[in-house]
Amino acid sequence: MTVKDQQLKSQTRLASIVIVVTMLGWMALNFFGGKMGLPVRYAFLADLAAMAAFLWALIVLFRVWRQRQQGE
């Protein structure tokens, strides 16, 4: 396995971890925010943060996919 393959693998792993943590955190914030009676603006803030994290992960995974396509 080359150094470039290891870098692509670590980028993929990082993006996957970001997706999982974001999803779990977003669900937890929405659940506990509703139970604690937090204002709706915090729900929108959590939604925007989750969308930003998902967008970042999507861009990273797209770049990894493109680099693997060019390497073959």
PDB file of N, CA and C in Angstrom:
ATOM      1  N   MET A   1       0.847  -1.168   0.000  1.00  0.00           N
ATOM      2  CA  MET A   1       0.000   0.000   0.000  1.00  0.00           C
ATOM      3  C   MET A   1       0.902   1.244   0.000  1.00  0.00           C
ATOM      4  N   THR A   2       0.644   2.117  -0.921  1.00  0.00           N
ATOM      5  CA  THR A   2       1.465   3.314  -1.045  1.00  0.00           C
ATOM      6  C   THR A   2       1.036   4.370  -0.029  1.00  0.00           C
ATOM      7  N   VAL A   3       1.842   5.395   0.072  1.00  0.00           N
ATOM      8  CA  VAL A   3       1.549   6.485   0.998  1.00  0.00           C
ATOM      9  C   VAL A   3       0.273   7.202   0.570  1.00  0.00           C
ATOM     10  N   LYS A   4       0.095   7.374  -0.739  1.00  0.00           N
ATOM     11  CA  LYS A   4      -1.111   8.042  -1.241  1.00  0.00           C
ATOM     12  C   LYS A   4      -2.360   7.228  -0.899  1.00  0.00           C
ATOM     13  N   ASP A   5      -2.288   5.906  -1.031  1.00  0.00           N
ATOM     14  CA  ASP A   5      -3.425   5.056  -0.668  1.00  0.00           C
ATOM     15  C   ASP A   5      -3.750   5.174   0.815  1.00  0.00           C
ATOM     16  N   GLN A   6      -2.718   5.251   1.641  1.00  0.00           N
ATOM     17  CA  GLN A   6      -2.939   5.396   3.079  1.00  0.00           C
ATOM     18  C   GLN A   6      -3.577   6.740   3.400  1.00  0.00           C
ATOM     19  N   GLN A   7      -3.159   7.787   2.696  1.00  0.00           N
ATOM     20  CA  GLN A   7      -3.751   9.101   2.917  1.00  0.00           C
ATOM     21  C   GLN A   7      -5.228   9.112   2.514  1.00  0.00           C
ATOM     22  N   LEU A   8      -5.526   8.491   1.373  1.00  0.00           N
ATOM     23  CA  LEU A   8      -6.916   8.434   0.922  1.00  0.00           C
ATOM     24  C   LEU A   8      -7.766   7.624   1.899  1.00  0.00           C
ATOM     25  N   LYS A   9      -7.188   6.550   2.408  1.00  0.00           N
ATOM     26  CA  LYS A   9      -7.913   5.721   3.363  1.00  0.00           C
ATOM     27  C   LYS A   9      -8.179   6.484   4.658  1.00  0.00           C
ATOM     28  N   SER A  10      -7.196   7.246   5.125  1.00  0.00           N
ATOM     29  CA  SER A  10      -7.397   8.009   6.361  1.00  0.00           C
ATOM     30  C   SER A  10      -8.396   9.147   6.150  1.00  0.00           C
ATOM     31  N   GLN A  11      -8.392   9.770   4.973  1.00  0.00           N
ATOM     32  CA  GLN A  11      -9.376  10.810   4.686  1.00  0.00           C
ATOM     33  C   GLN A  11     -10.789  10.229   4.646  1.00  0.00           C
ATOM     34  N   THR A  12     -10.917   9.049   4.060  1.00  0.00           N
ATOM     35  CA  THR A  12     -12.213   8.383   4.006  1.00  0.00           C
ATOM     36  C   THR A  12     -12.694   8.026   5.410  1.00  0.00           C
ATOM     37  N   ARG A  13     -11.784   7.534   6.237  1.00  0.00           N
ATOM     38  CA  ARG A  13     -12.139   7.179   7.607  1.00  0.00           C
ATOM     39  C   ARG A  13     -12.564   8.419   8.393  1.00  0.00           C
ATOM     40  N   LEU A  14     -11.841   9.516   8.227  1.00  0.00           N
ATOM     41  CA  LEU A  14     -12.184  10.747   8.927  1.00  0.00           C
ATOM     42  C   LEU A  14     -13.558  11.258   8.503  1.00  0.00           C
ATOM     43  N   ALA A  15     -13.839  11.247   7.208  1.00  0.00           N
ATOM     44  CA  ALA A  15     -15.143  11.690   6.720  1.00  0.00           C
ATOM     45  C   ALA A  15     -16.252  10.795   7.259  1.00  0.00           C
ATOM     46  N   SER A  16     -16.005   9.499   7.333  1.00  0.00           N
ATOM     47  CA  SER A  16     -17.002   8.571   7.869  1.00  0.00           C
ATOM     48  C   SER A  16     -17.274   8.839   9.339  1.00  0.00           C
ATOM     49  N   ILE A  17     -16.231   9.100  10.102  1.00  0.00           N
ATOM     50  CA  ILE A  17     -16.394   9.402  11.523  1.00  0.00           C
ATOM     51  C   ILE A  17     -17.172  10.697  11.701  1.00  0.00           C
ATOM     52  N   VAL A  18     -16.866  11.701  10.869  1.00  0.00           N
ATOM     53  CA  VAL A  18     -17.588  12.976  10.946  1.00  0.00           C
ATOM     54  C   VAL A  18     -19.068  12.766  10.658  1.00  0.00           C
ATOM     55  N   ILE A  19     -19.391  11.937   9.675  1.00  0.00           N
ATOM     56  CA  ILE A  19     -20.792  11.672   9.341  1.00  0.00           C
ATOM     57  C   ILE A  19     -21.510  11.010  10.506  1.00  0.00           C
ATOM     58  N   VAL A  20     -20.905  10.000  11.089  1.00  0.00           N
ATOM     59  CA  VAL A  20     -21.553   9.269  12.188  1.00  0.00           C
ATOM     60  C   VAL A  20     -21.717  10.157  13.422  1.00  0.00           C
ATOM     61  N   VAL A  21     -20.658  10.867  13.799  1.00  0.00           N
ATOM     62  CA  VAL A  21     -20.721  11.723  14.990  1.00  0.00           C
ATOM     63  C   VAL A  21     -21.719  12.862  14.781  1.00  0.00           C
ATOM     64  N   THR A  22     -21.732  13.421  13.578  1.00  0.00           N
ATOM     65  CA  THR A  22     -22.675  14.503  13.282  1.00  0.00           C
ATOM     66  C   THR A  22     -24.109  14.009  13.385  1.00  0.00           C
ATOM     67  N   MET A  23     -24.386  12.856  12.821  1.00  0.00           N
ATOM     68  CA  MET A  23     -25.748  12.335  12.844  1.00  0.00           C
ATOM     69  C   MET A  23     -26.205  12.049  14.277  1.00  0.00           C
ATOM     70  N   LEU A  24     -25.340  11.391  15.054  1.00  0.00           N
ATOM     71  CA  LEU A  24     -25.699  11.083  16.434  1.00  0.00           C
ATOM     72  C   LEU A  24     -25.851  12.356  17.268  1.00  0.00           C
ATOM     73  N   GLY A  25     -24.947  13.309  17.082  1.00  0.00           N
ATOM     74  CA  GLY A  25     -25.024  14.569  17.817  1.00  0.00           C
ATOM     75  C   GLY A  25     -26.255  15.369  17.445  1.00  0.00           C
ATOM     76  N   TRP A  26     -26.570  15.393  16.157  1.00  0.00           N
ATOM     77  CA  TRP A  26     -27.744  16.137  15.696  1.00  0.00           C
ATOM     78  C   TRP A  26     -29.031  15.540  16.271  1.00  0.00           C
ATOM     79  N   MET A  27     -29.116  14.208  16.237  1.00  0.00           N
ATOM     80  CA  MET A  27     -30.298  13.546  16.792  1.00  0.00           C
ATOM     81  C   MET A  27     -30.405  13.788  18.297  1.00  0.00           C
ATOM     82  N   ALA A  28     -29.274  13.712  18.999  1.00  0.00           N
ATOM     83  CA  ALA A  28     -29.285  13.918  20.452  1.00  0.00           C
ATOM     84  C   ALA A  28     -29.671  15.356  20.795  1.00  0.00           C
ATOM     85  N   LEU A  29     -29.123  16.318  20.058  1.00  0.00           N
ATOM     86  CA  LEU A  29     -29.467  17.720  20.331  1.00  0.00           C
ATOM     87  C   LEU A  29     -30.948  17.985  20.096  1.00  0.00           C
ATOM     88  N   ASN A  30     -31.496  17.424  19.045  1.00  0.00           N
ATOM     89  CA  ASN A  30     -32.919  17.623  18.776  1.00  0.00           C
ATOM     90  C   ASN A  30     -33.788  16.943  19.834  1.00  0.00           C
ATOM     91  N   PHE A  31     -33.398  15.765  20.246  1.00  0.00           N
ATOM     92  CA  PHE A  31     -34.181  15.036  21.239  1.00  0.00           C
ATOM     93  C   PHE A  31     -34.138  15.741  22.601  1.00  0.00           C
ATOM     94  N   PHE A  32     -32.923  15.990  23.086  1.00  0.00           N
ATOM     95  CA  PHE A  32     -32.794  16.585  24.411  1.00  0.00           C
ATOM     96  C   PHE A  32     -33.187  18.059  24.415  1.00  0.00           C
ATOM     97  N   GLY A  33     -33.003  18.731  23.297  1.00  0.00           N
ATOM     98  CA  GLY A  33     -33.450  20.120  23.216  1.00  0.00           C
ATOM     99  C   GLY A  33     -34.956  20.230  23.356  1.00  0.00           C
ATOM    100  N   GLY A  34     -35.671  19.296  22.739  1.00  0.00           N
ATOM    101  CA  GLY A  34     -37.130  19.278  22.882  1.00  0.00           C
ATOM    102  C   GLY A  34     -37.560  18.933  24.292  1.00  0.00           C
ATOM    103  N   LYS A  35     -36.858  18.007  24.920  1.00  0.00           N
ATOM    104  CA  LYS A  35     -37.202  17.613  26.292  1.00  0.00           C
ATOM    105  C   LYS A  35     -36.920  18.736  27.291  1.00  0.00           C
ATOM    106  N   MET A  36     -35.844  19.502  27.043  1.00  0.00           N
ATOM    107  CA  MET A  36     -35.460  20.565  27.972  1.00  0.00           C
ATOM    108  C   MET A  36     -36.152  21.883  27.659  1.00  0.00           C
ATOM    109  N   GLY A  37     -36.842  21.950  26.539  1.00  0.00           N
ATOM    110  CA  GLY A  37     -37.569  23.157  26.190  1.00  0.00           C
ATOM    111  C   GLY A  37     -36.687  24.287  25.680  1.00  0.00           C
ATOM    112  N   LEU A  38     -35.595  23.941  25.004  1.00  0.00           N
ATOM    113  CA  LEU A  38     -34.723  24.975  24.448  1.00  0.00           C
ATOM    114  C   LEU A  38     -35.432  25.717  23.316  1.00  0.00           C
ATOM    115  N   PRO A  39     -35.082  26.982  23.108  1.00  0.00           N
ATOM    116  CA  PRO A  39     -35.706  27.737  22.018  1.00  0.00           C
ATOM    117  C   PRO A  39     -35.431  27.098  20.651  1.00  0.00           C
ATOM    118  N   VAL A  40     -36.326  27.378  19.716  1.00  0.00           N
ATOM    119  CA  VAL A  40     -36.233  26.794  18.387  1.00  0.00           C
ATOM    120  C   VAL A  40     -34.968  27.255  17.661  1.00  0.00           C
ATOM    121  N   ARG A  41     -34.468  28.427  17.991  1.00  0.00           N
ATOM    122  CA  ARG A  41     -33.274  28.927  17.299  1.00  0.00           C
ATOM    123  C   ARG A  41     -32.077  28.004  17.508  1.00  0.00           C
ATOM    124  N   TYR A  42     -32.031  27.305  18.643  1.00  0.00           N
ATOM    125  CA  TYR A  42     -30.949  26.358  18.868  1.00  0.00           C
ATOM    126  C   TYR A  42     -31.103  25.131  17.975  1.00  0.00           C
ATOM    127  N   ALA A  43     -32.315  24.756  17.683  1.00  0.00           N
ATOM    128  CA  ALA A  43     -32.546  23.646  16.755  1.00  0.00           C
ATOM    129  C   ALA A  43     -32.068  24.031  15.351  1.00  0.00           C
ATOM    130  N   PHE A  44     -32.354  25.267  14.951  1.00  0.00           N
ATOM    131  CA  PHE A  44     -31.877  25.725  13.647  1.00  0.00           C
ATOM    132  C   PHE A  44     -30.353  25.807  13.615  1.00  0.00           C
ATOM    133  N   LEU A  45     -29.754  26.213  14.711  1.00  0.00           N
ATOM    134  CA  LEU A  45     -28.304  26.264  14.792  1.00  0.00           C
ATOM    135  C   LEU A  45     -27.708  24.864  14.669  1.00  0.00           C
ATOM    136  N   ALA A  46     -28.319  23.898  15.338  1.00  0.00           N
ATOM    137  CA  ALA A  46     -27.857  22.515  15.240  1.00  0.00           C
ATOM    138  C   ALA A  46     -28.031  21.995  13.813  1.00  0.00           C
ATOM    139  N   ASP A  47     -29.135  22.352  13.163  1.00  0.00           N
ATOM    140  CA  ASP A  47     -29.361  21.935  11.778  1.00  0.00           C
ATOM    141  C   ASP A  47     -28.305  22.511  10.846  1.00  0.00           C
ATOM    142  N   LEU A  48     -27.996  23.796  11.021  1.00  0.00           N
ATOM    143  CA  LEU A  48     -26.982  24.426  10.165  1.00  0.00           C
ATOM    144  C   LEU A  48     -25.599  23.822  10.390  1.00  0.00           C
ATOM    145  N   ALA A  49     -25.266  23.548  11.647  1.00  0.00           N
ATOM    146  CA  ALA A  49     -23.973  22.927  11.943  1.00  0.00           C
ATOM    147  C   ALA A  49     -23.902  21.526  11.342  1.00  0.00           C
ATOM    148  N   ALA A  50     -24.979  20.772  11.425  1.00  0.00           N
ATOM    149  CA  ALA A  50     -25.007  19.429  10.855  1.00  0.00           C
ATOM    150  C   ALA A  50     -24.884  19.483   9.330  1.00  0.00           C
ATOM    151  N   MET A  51     -25.574  20.426   8.713  1.00  0.00           N
ATOM    152  CA  MET A  51     -25.474  20.553   7.254  1.00  0.00           C
ATOM    153  C   MET A  51     -24.057  20.920   6.822  1.00  0.00           C
ATOM    154  N   ALA A  52     -23.408  21.790   7.592  1.00  0.00           N
ATOM    155  CA  ALA A  52     -22.028  22.158   7.269  1.00  0.00           C
ATOM    156  C   ALA A  52     -21.100  20.955   7.387  1.00  0.00           C
ATOM    157  N   ALA A  53     -21.284  20.162   8.424  1.00  0.00           N
ATOM    158  CA  ALA A  53     -20.440  18.976   8.605  1.00  0.00           C
ATOM    159  C   ALA A  53     -20.693  17.952   7.503  1.00  0.00           C
ATOM    160  N   PHE A  54     -21.952  17.753   7.134  1.00  0.00           N
ATOM    161  CA  PHE A  54     -22.266  16.821   6.052  1.00  0.00           C
ATOM    162  C   PHE A  54     -21.705  17.309   4.719  1.00  0.00           C
ATOM    163  N   LEU A  55     -21.784  18.596   4.483  1.00  0.00           N
ATOM    164  CA  LEU A  55     -21.230  19.158   3.245  1.00  0.00           C
ATOM    165  C   LEU A  55     -19.723  18.970   3.201  1.00  0.00           C
ATOM    166  N   TRP A  56     -19.050  19.222   4.313  1.00  0.00           N
ATOM    167  CA  TRP A  56     -17.598  19.016   4.375  1.00  0.00           C
ATOM    168  C   TRP A  56     -17.243  17.561   4.077  1.00  0.00           C
ATOM    169  N   ALA A  57     -17.969  16.638   4.704  1.00  0.00           N
ATOM    170  CA  ALA A  57     -17.699  15.217   4.487  1.00  0.00           C
ATOM    171  C   ALA A  57     -17.970  14.824   3.035  1.00  0.00           C
ATOM    172  N   LEU A  58     -19.015  15.370   2.446  1.00  0.00           N
ATOM    173  CA  LEU A  58     -19.320  15.079   1.048  1.00  0.00           C
ATOM    174  C   LEU A  58     -18.211  15.575   0.130  1.00  0.00           C
ATOM    175  N   ILE A  59     -17.704  16.757   0.382  1.00  0.00           N
ATOM    176  CA  ILE A  59     -16.613  17.296  -0.433  1.00  0.00           C
ATOM    177  C   ILE A  59     -15.357  16.451  -0.290  1.00  0.00           C
ATOM    178  N   VAL A  60     -15.029  16.046   0.936  1.00  0.00           N
ATOM    179  CA  VAL A  60     -13.850  15.202   1.156  1.00  0.00           C
ATOM    180  C   VAL A  60     -14.004  13.865   0.440  1.00  0.00           C
ATOM    181  N   LEU A  61     -15.165  13.244   0.553  1.00  0.00           N
ATOM    182  CA  LEU A  61     -15.368  11.951  -0.099  1.00  0.00           C
ATOM    183  C   LEU A  61     -15.357  12.078  -1.618  1.00  0.00           C
ATOM    184  N   PHE A  62     -15.878  13.187  -2.139  1.00  0.00           N
ATOM    185  CA  PHE A  62     -15.831  13.410  -3.585  1.00  0.00           C
ATOM    186  C   PHE A  62     -14.394  13.561  -4.057  1.00  0.00           C
ATOM    187  N   ARG A  63     -13.582  14.296  -3.298  1.00  0.00           N
ATOM    188  CA  ARG A  63     -12.173  14.466  -3.672  1.00  0.00           C
ATOM    189  C   ARG A  63     -11.434  13.127  -3.632  1.00  0.00           C
ATOM    190  N   VAL A  64     -11.709  12.311  -2.620  1.00  0.00           N
ATOM    191  CA  VAL A  64     -11.079  10.982  -2.536  1.00  0.00           C
ATOM    192  C   VAL A  64     -11.489  10.137  -3.729  1.00  0.00           C
ATOM    193  N   TRP A  65     -12.769  10.166  -4.073  1.00  0.00           N
ATOM    194  CA  TRP A  65     -13.258   9.388  -5.216  1.00  0.00           C
ATOM    195  C   TRP A  65     -12.574   9.823  -6.504  1.00  0.00           C
ATOM    196  N   ARG A  66     -12.441  11.149  -6.708  1.00  0.00           N
ATOM    197  CA  ARG A  66     -11.796  11.666  -7.911  1.00  0.00           C
ATOM    198  C   ARG A  66     -10.328  11.262  -7.978  1.00  0.00           C
ATOM    199  N   GLN A  67      -9.638  11.313  -6.839  1.00  0.00           N
ATOM    200  CA  GLN A  67      -8.223  10.945  -6.806  1.00  0.00           C
ATOM    201  C   GLN A  67      -8.046   9.457  -7.091  1.00  0.00           C
ATOM    202  N   ARG A  68      -8.951   8.641  -6.615  1.00  0.00           N
ATOM    203  CA  ARG A  68      -8.867   7.205  -6.911  1.00  0.00           C
ATOM    204  C   ARG A  68      -9.172   6.923  -8.369  1.00  0.00           C
ATOM    205  N   GLN A  69     -10.092   7.690  -8.964  1.00  0.00           N
ATOM    206  CA  GLN A  69     -10.405   7.519 -10.384  1.00  0.00           C
ATOM    207  C   GLN A  69      -9.214   7.908 -11.253  1.00  0.00           C
ATOM    208  N   GLN A  70      -8.503   8.946 -10.868  1.00  0.00           N
ATOM    209  CA  GLN A  70      -7.350   9.392 -11.641  1.00  0.00           C
ATOM    210  C   GLN A  70      -6.175   8.446 -11.484  1.00  0.00           C
ATOM    211  N   GLY A  71      -6.098   7.748 -10.343  1.00  0.00           N
ATOM    212  CA  GLY A  71      -4.991   6.825 -10.093  1.00  0.00           C
ATOM    213  C   GLY A  71      -5.106   5.511 -10.830  1.00  0.00           C
ATOM    214  N   GLU A  72      -6.295   5.161 -11.279  1.00  0.00           N
ATOM    215  CA  GLU A  72      -6.482   3.859 -11.936  1.00  0.00           C
ATOM    216  C   GLU A  72      -6.158   3.903 -13.402  1.00  0.00           C
TER     217      GLU A  72
END
